Amino acid sequence: MARGGTALLVVDLQEGVLRGCADAAGTLARTVDLVERARGAGVPVVWVLDDQDFPRDSDDFALAAPLEPLASETRLVKSYRDAFAGTGLRELLAEQGTSHLLVAGAQSDFCVRTAAQRAAAEGFDVTLVADCHTTRPAETAAGTLSGEQVVAHVNAYFRGLRYPGQRYAATPLAGLDL
């Protein structure tokens, strides 16, 4: 799928963020596998942590176990839903020669979708790893959507996304070719 270098963006898979999310344990296990596969393929891993709701020194701010960034992997802290806003992510990806982002994480309908959409708008090819993101139930004017329904909707959105000359997908982990 990629025109050039690929990087993996892991968004907000933090202890406090995962609480109450659909299939949190399964999503976490698959993401651990995704990270290991990316590392084995020489794909850079970029970790994004959200400091809006949790103090940086709290257990809730920490990445969910057993996720553990390597010393060589970049960790960015964001204060907005957009992983590109005020973090230097765009510059980091340009420096790495990245043109394709794999995206995984928590809060599918907010931080994951916003990061992936922004990446698309910035000109990156984007693959949302369809079974490596999760969220909590969402209250809407029409009623409550389960976390699973929100994840399915976000996956459908990325399967249908179109920008000129770019590629987008929502692909399950088993279907990824790293």
C-alpha atoms as a PDB file:
ATOM      1  CA  MET A   1       0.000   0.000   0.000  1.00  0.00           C
ATOM      2  CA  ALA A   2       2.788   2.478   0.809  1.00  0.00           C
ATOM      3  CA  ARG A   3       4.491   4.735  -1.730  1.00  0.00           C
ATOM      4  CA  GLY A   4       7.484   5.124   0.557  1.00  0.00           C
ATOM      5  CA  GLY A   5       8.448   4.610   4.178  1.00  0.00           C
ATOM      6  CA  THR A   6       5.909   3.293   6.641  1.00  0.00           C
ATOM      7  CA  ALA A   7       5.596   4.187  10.332  1.00  0.00           C
ATOM      8  CA  LEU A   8       3.274   2.872  13.033  1.00  0.00           C
ATOM      9  CA  LEU A   9       1.405   5.470  15.090  1.00  0.00           C
ATOM     10  CA  VAL A  10       0.082   4.128  18.420  1.00  0.00           C
ATOM     11  CA  VAL A  11      -2.412   6.630  19.835  1.00  0.00           C
ATOM     12  CA  ASP A  12      -3.452   6.897  23.503  1.00  0.00           C
ATOM     13  CA  LEU A  13      -3.233   3.251  24.544  1.00  0.00           C
ATOM     14  CA  GLN A  14      -2.953   4.413  28.126  1.00  0.00           C
ATOM     15  CA  GLU A  15      -4.250   2.783  31.308  1.00  0.00           C
ATOM     16  CA  GLY A  16      -6.838   5.481  31.975  1.00  0.00           C
ATOM     17  CA  VAL A  17      -7.958   5.789  28.379  1.00  0.00           C
ATOM     18  CA  LEU A  18      -8.586   2.059  27.947  1.00  0.00           C
ATOM     19  CA  ARG A  19     -10.855   1.841  30.983  1.00  0.00           C
ATOM     20  CA  GLY A  20     -14.376   1.022  29.772  1.00  0.00           C
ATOM     21  CA  CYS A  21     -13.389   0.481  26.137  1.00  0.00           C
ATOM     22  CA  ALA A  22     -14.812  -2.367  24.051  1.00  0.00           C
ATOM     23  CA  ASP A  23     -12.563  -5.436  23.849  1.00  0.00           C
ATOM     24  CA  ALA A  24      -9.742  -3.511  25.532  1.00  0.00           C
ATOM     25  CA  ALA A  25      -7.762  -6.663  26.392  1.00  0.00           C
ATOM     26  CA  GLY A  26      -8.083  -8.076  22.853  1.00  0.00           C
ATOM     27  CA  THR A  27      -7.206  -4.745  21.263  1.00  0.00           C
ATOM     28  CA  LEU A  28      -4.185  -4.435  23.525  1.00  0.00           C
ATOM     29  CA  ALA A  29      -2.986  -7.985  22.760  1.00  0.00           C
ATOM     30  CA  ARG A  30      -3.327  -7.445  19.003  1.00  0.00           C
ATOM     31  CA  THR A  31      -1.533  -4.104  19.246  1.00  0.00           C
ATOM     32  CA  VAL A  32       1.355  -5.712  21.134  1.00  0.00           C
ATOM     33  CA  ASP A  33       1.618  -8.178  18.221  1.00  0.00           C
ATOM     34  CA  LEU A  34       1.400  -5.288  15.722  1.00  0.00           C
ATOM     35  CA  VAL A  35       4.208  -3.400  17.468  1.00  0.00           C
ATOM     36  CA  GLU A  36       6.420  -6.501  17.502  1.00  0.00           C
ATOM     37  CA  ARG A  37       5.732  -7.152  13.813  1.00  0.00           C
ATOM     38  CA  ALA A  38       6.507  -3.510  12.977  1.00  0.00           C
ATOM     39  CA  ARG A  39       9.775  -3.636  14.893  1.00  0.00           C
ATOM     40  CA  GLY A  40      10.720  -6.903  13.190  1.00  0.00           C
ATOM     41  CA  ALA A  41      10.089  -5.306   9.796  1.00  0.00           C
ATOM     42  CA  GLY A  42      12.121  -2.197  10.652  1.00  0.00           C
ATOM     43  CA  VAL A  43       9.019   0.017  10.727  1.00  0.00           C
ATOM     44  CA  PRO A  44       9.452   2.959  13.136  1.00  0.00           C
ATOM     45  CA  VAL A  45       6.973   3.063  16.020  1.00  0.00           C
ATOM     46  CA  VAL A  46       5.742   6.436  17.271  1.00  0.00           C
ATOM     47  CA  TRP A  47       3.879   6.538  20.589  1.00  0.00           C
ATOM     48  CA  VAL A  48       1.354   9.291  21.263  1.00  0.00           C
ATOM     49  CA  LEU A  49       0.129   9.939  24.799  1.00  0.00           C
ATOM     50  CA  ASP A  50      -2.717  12.235  25.817  1.00  0.00           C
ATOM     51  CA  ASP A  51      -2.227  14.501  28.823  1.00  0.00           C
ATOM     52  CA  GLN A  52      -5.665  16.190  28.721  1.00  0.00           C
ATOM     53  CA  ASP A  53      -7.315  13.996  31.328  1.00  0.00           C
ATOM     54  CA  PHE A  54      -4.472  12.483  33.356  1.00  0.00           C
ATOM     55  CA  PRO A  55      -1.477  13.982  35.145  1.00  0.00           C
ATOM     56  CA  ARG A  56       1.730  12.894  33.431  1.00  0.00           C
ATOM     57  CA  ASP A  57       3.039  11.220  36.580  1.00  0.00           C
ATOM     58  CA  SER A  58      -0.140   9.175  37.182  1.00  0.00           C
ATOM     59  CA  ASP A  59      -0.744   5.470  36.588  1.00  0.00           C
ATOM     60  CA  ASP A  60      -3.630   6.418  34.255  1.00  0.00           C
ATOM     61  CA  PHE A  61      -1.241   8.376  31.992  1.00  0.00           C
ATOM     62  CA  ALA A  62       1.109   5.375  31.569  1.00  0.00           C
ATOM     63  CA  LEU A  63       0.923   3.144  28.520  1.00  0.00           C
ATOM     64  CA  ALA A  64      -1.148   0.055  29.221  1.00  0.00           C
ATOM     65  CA  ALA A  65       0.912  -2.989  30.158  1.00  0.00           C
ATOM     66  CA  PRO A  66       2.565  -4.795  28.487  1.00  0.00           C
ATOM     67  CA  LEU A  67       3.222  -2.006  25.954  1.00  0.00           C
ATOM     68  CA  GLU A  68       6.766  -0.768  26.358  1.00  0.00           C
ATOM     69  CA  PRO A  69       8.445   1.669  23.977  1.00  0.00           C
ATOM     70  CA  LEU A  70      12.065   1.016  23.127  1.00  0.00           C
ATOM     71  CA  ALA A  71      14.516   3.758  24.051  1.00  0.00           C
ATOM     72  CA  SER A  72      14.972   4.474  20.328  1.00  0.00           C
ATOM     73  CA  GLU A  73      11.236   5.014  19.727  1.00  0.00           C
ATOM     74  CA  THR A  74       9.689   8.461  19.804  1.00  0.00           C
ATOM     75  CA  ARG A  75       7.119   9.359  22.450  1.00  0.00           C
ATOM     76  CA  LEU A  76       5.007  12.448  21.846  1.00  0.00           C
ATOM     77  CA  VAL A  77       2.617  13.996  24.346  1.00  0.00           C
ATOM     78  CA  LYS A  78      -0.433  15.730  22.951  1.00  0.00           C
ATOM     79  CA  SER A  79      -2.926  18.050  24.576  1.00  0.00           C
ATOM     80  CA  TYR A  80      -5.556  17.872  21.829  1.00  0.00           C
ATOM     81  CA  ARG A  81      -7.389  15.069  20.030  1.00  0.00           C
ATOM     82  CA  ASP A  82      -5.176  15.755  17.006  1.00  0.00           C
ATOM     83  CA  ALA A  83      -1.796  14.001  17.343  1.00  0.00           C
ATOM     84  CA  PHE A  84      -0.335  16.517  14.887  1.00  0.00           C
ATOM     85  CA  ALA A  85      -1.350  19.640  16.855  1.00  0.00           C
ATOM     86  CA  GLY A  86       1.595  21.070  18.747  1.00  0.00           C
ATOM     87  CA  THR A  87       3.606  17.823  18.853  1.00  0.00           C
ATOM     88  CA  GLY A  88       6.091  18.008  15.971  1.00  0.00           C
ATOM     89  CA  LEU A  89       4.656  14.773  14.522  1.00  0.00           C
ATOM     90  CA  ARG A  90       4.555  16.123  10.959  1.00  0.00           C
ATOM     91  CA  GLU A  91       8.223  17.120  11.115  1.00  0.00           C
ATOM     92  CA  LEU A  92       9.248  13.797  12.674  1.00  0.00           C
ATOM     93  CA  LEU A  93       7.495  11.817   9.941  1.00  0.00           C
ATOM     94  CA  ALA A  94       9.068  13.989   7.230  1.00  0.00           C
ATOM     95  CA  GLU A  95      12.486  13.467   8.808  1.00  0.00           C
ATOM     96  CA  GLN A  96      11.911   9.677   8.747  1.00  0.00           C
ATOM     97  CA  GLY A  97      10.772   9.766   5.113  1.00  0.00           C
ATOM     98  CA  THR A  98       7.350   8.443   6.049  1.00  0.00           C
ATOM     99  CA  SER A  99       4.593   8.495   3.444  1.00  0.00           C
ATOM    100  CA  HIS A 100       2.361   5.747   4.900  1.00  0.00           C
ATOM    101  CA  LEU A 101       0.994   5.533   8.430  1.00  0.00           C
ATOM    102  CA  LEU A 102      -0.377   2.488  10.167  1.00  0.00           C
ATOM    103  CA  VAL A 103      -2.674   3.704  12.956  1.00  0.00           C
ATOM    104  CA  ALA A 104      -3.749   1.899  16.119  1.00  0.00           C
ATOM    105  CA  GLY A 105      -4.974   3.137  19.482  1.00  0.00           C
ATOM    106  CA  ALA A 106      -7.761   4.102  21.825  1.00  0.00           C
ATOM    107  CA  GLN A 107     -10.738   6.413  21.446  1.00  0.00           C
ATOM    108  CA  SER A 108     -11.537   5.393  17.876  1.00  0.00           C
ATOM    109  CA  ASP A 109     -14.133   8.114  17.407  1.00  0.00           C
ATOM    110  CA  PHE A 110     -11.985  10.931  18.724  1.00  0.00           C
ATOM    111  CA  CYS A 111      -8.200  10.687  18.902  1.00  0.00           C
ATOM    112  CA  VAL A 112      -7.664   7.752  16.522  1.00  0.00           C
ATOM    113  CA  ARG A 113     -10.002   9.092  13.841  1.00  0.00           C
ATOM    114  CA  THR A 114      -8.695  12.640  14.193  1.00  0.00           C
ATOM    115  CA  ALA A 115      -5.059  11.538  13.916  1.00  0.00           C
ATOM    116  CA  ALA A 116      -5.777   9.338  10.897  1.00  0.00           C
ATOM    117  CA  GLN A 117      -7.910  11.981   9.178  1.00  0.00           C
ATOM    118  CA  ARG A 118      -5.266  14.646   9.776  1.00  0.00           C
ATOM    119  CA  ALA A 119      -2.619  12.306   8.376  1.00  0.00           C
ATOM    120  CA  ALA A 120      -4.742  11.914   5.253  1.00  0.00           C
ATOM    121  CA  ALA A 121      -5.174  15.683   4.952  1.00  0.00           C
ATOM    122  CA  GLU A 122      -1.402  16.083   5.363  1.00  0.00           C
ATOM    123  CA  GLY A 123      -0.848  13.803   2.349  1.00  0.00           C
ATOM    124  CA  PHE A 124      -0.046  10.463   3.974  1.00  0.00           C
ATOM    125  CA  ASP A 125      -1.425   7.126   2.883  1.00  0.00           C
ATOM    126  CA  VAL A 126      -3.227   5.713   5.932  1.00  0.00           C
ATOM    127  CA  THR A 127      -4.014   2.194   7.034  1.00  0.00           C
ATOM    128  CA  LEU A 128      -6.197   2.039  10.094  1.00  0.00           C
ATOM    129  CA  VAL A 129      -5.509  -1.338  11.700  1.00  0.00           C
ATOM    130  CA  ALA A 130      -9.155  -2.340  11.964  1.00  0.00           C
ATOM    131  CA  ASP A 131      -8.889  -4.560  15.041  1.00  0.00           C
ATOM    132  CA  CYS A 132      -6.205  -2.566  16.851  1.00  0.00           C
ATOM    133  CA  HIS A 133      -8.330   0.369  17.969  1.00  0.00           C
ATOM    134  CA  THR A 134     -11.098   0.659  20.514  1.00  0.00           C
ATOM    135  CA  THR A 135     -13.390   3.087  22.277  1.00  0.00           C
ATOM    136  CA  ARG A 136     -16.137   3.444  24.865  1.00  0.00           C
ATOM    137  CA  PRO A 137     -19.867   3.588  24.153  1.00  0.00           C
ATOM    138  CA  ALA A 138     -20.945   6.916  22.642  1.00  0.00           C
ATOM    139  CA  GLU A 139     -24.036   8.912  23.517  1.00  0.00           C
ATOM    140  CA  THR A 140     -25.717  10.402  20.461  1.00  0.00           C
ATOM    141  CA  ALA A 141     -28.982  12.223  19.815  1.00  0.00           C
ATOM    142  CA  ALA A 142     -30.304   8.930  18.426  1.00  0.00           C
ATOM    143  CA  GLY A 143     -29.249   6.876  21.456  1.00  0.00           C
ATOM    144  CA  THR A 144     -26.218   5.027  22.701  1.00  0.00           C
ATOM    145  CA  LEU A 145     -23.815   3.339  20.306  1.00  0.00           C
ATOM    146  CA  SER A 146     -21.732   0.481  21.700  1.00  0.00           C
ATOM    147  CA  GLY A 147     -17.967   0.706  21.482  1.00  0.00           C
ATOM    148  CA  GLU A 148     -18.086  -2.086  18.894  1.00  0.00           C
ATOM    149  CA  GLN A 149     -20.527  -0.075  16.763  1.00  0.00           C
ATOM    150  CA  VAL A 150     -18.294   2.997  16.919  1.00  0.00           C
ATOM    151  CA  VAL A 151     -15.236   0.947  15.922  1.00  0.00           C
ATOM    152  CA  ALA A 152     -17.184  -0.545  12.991  1.00  0.00           C
ATOM    153  CA  HIS A 153     -18.270   2.930  11.874  1.00  0.00           C
ATOM    154  CA  VAL A 154     -14.720   4.324  12.006  1.00  0.00           C
ATOM    155  CA  ASN A 155     -13.467   1.319  10.020  1.00  0.00           C
ATOM    156  CA  ALA A 156     -16.171   1.875   7.394  1.00  0.00           C
ATOM    157  CA  TYR A 157     -15.247   5.551   7.197  1.00  0.00           C
ATOM    158  CA  PHE A 158     -11.603   4.751   6.397  1.00  0.00           C
ATOM    159  CA  ARG A 159     -12.507   2.070   3.891  1.00  0.00           C
ATOM    160  CA  GLY A 160     -14.391   4.748   1.951  1.00  0.00           C
ATOM    161  CA  LEU A 161     -11.987   7.678   2.378  1.00  0.00           C
ATOM    162  CA  ARG A 162     -10.682   9.204  -0.854  1.00  0.00           C
ATOM    163  CA  TYR A 163      -8.088  11.870  -1.612  1.00  0.00           C
ATOM    164  CA  PRO A 164      -6.413  12.322  -5.020  1.00  0.00           C
ATOM    165  CA  GLY A 165      -3.393  10.066  -5.444  1.00  0.00           C
ATOM    166  CA  GLN A 166      -3.555   8.651  -1.925  1.00  0.00           C
ATOM    167  CA  ARG A 167      -4.547   5.289  -0.487  1.00  0.00           C
ATOM    168  CA  TYR A 168      -6.609   4.460   2.583  1.00  0.00           C
ATOM    169  CA  ALA A 169      -7.714   1.248   4.196  1.00  0.00           C
ATOM    170  CA  ALA A 170      -9.054  -0.299   7.362  1.00  0.00           C
ATOM    171  CA  THR A 171      -7.301  -3.658   7.465  1.00  0.00           C
ATOM    172  CA  PRO A 172      -7.329  -6.235  10.276  1.00  0.00           C
ATOM    173  CA  LEU A 173      -3.955  -7.170  11.744  1.00  0.00           C
ATOM    174  CA  ALA A 174      -4.009 -10.605  10.075  1.00  0.00           C
ATOM    175  CA  GLY A 175      -4.303  -8.943   6.651  1.00  0.00           C
ATOM    176  CA  LEU A 176      -1.386  -6.542   7.051  1.00  0.00           C
ATOM    177  CA  ASP A 177       1.736  -7.045   4.979  1.00  0.00           C
ATOM    178  CA  LEU A 178       4.608  -5.378   6.831  1.00  0.00           C
END
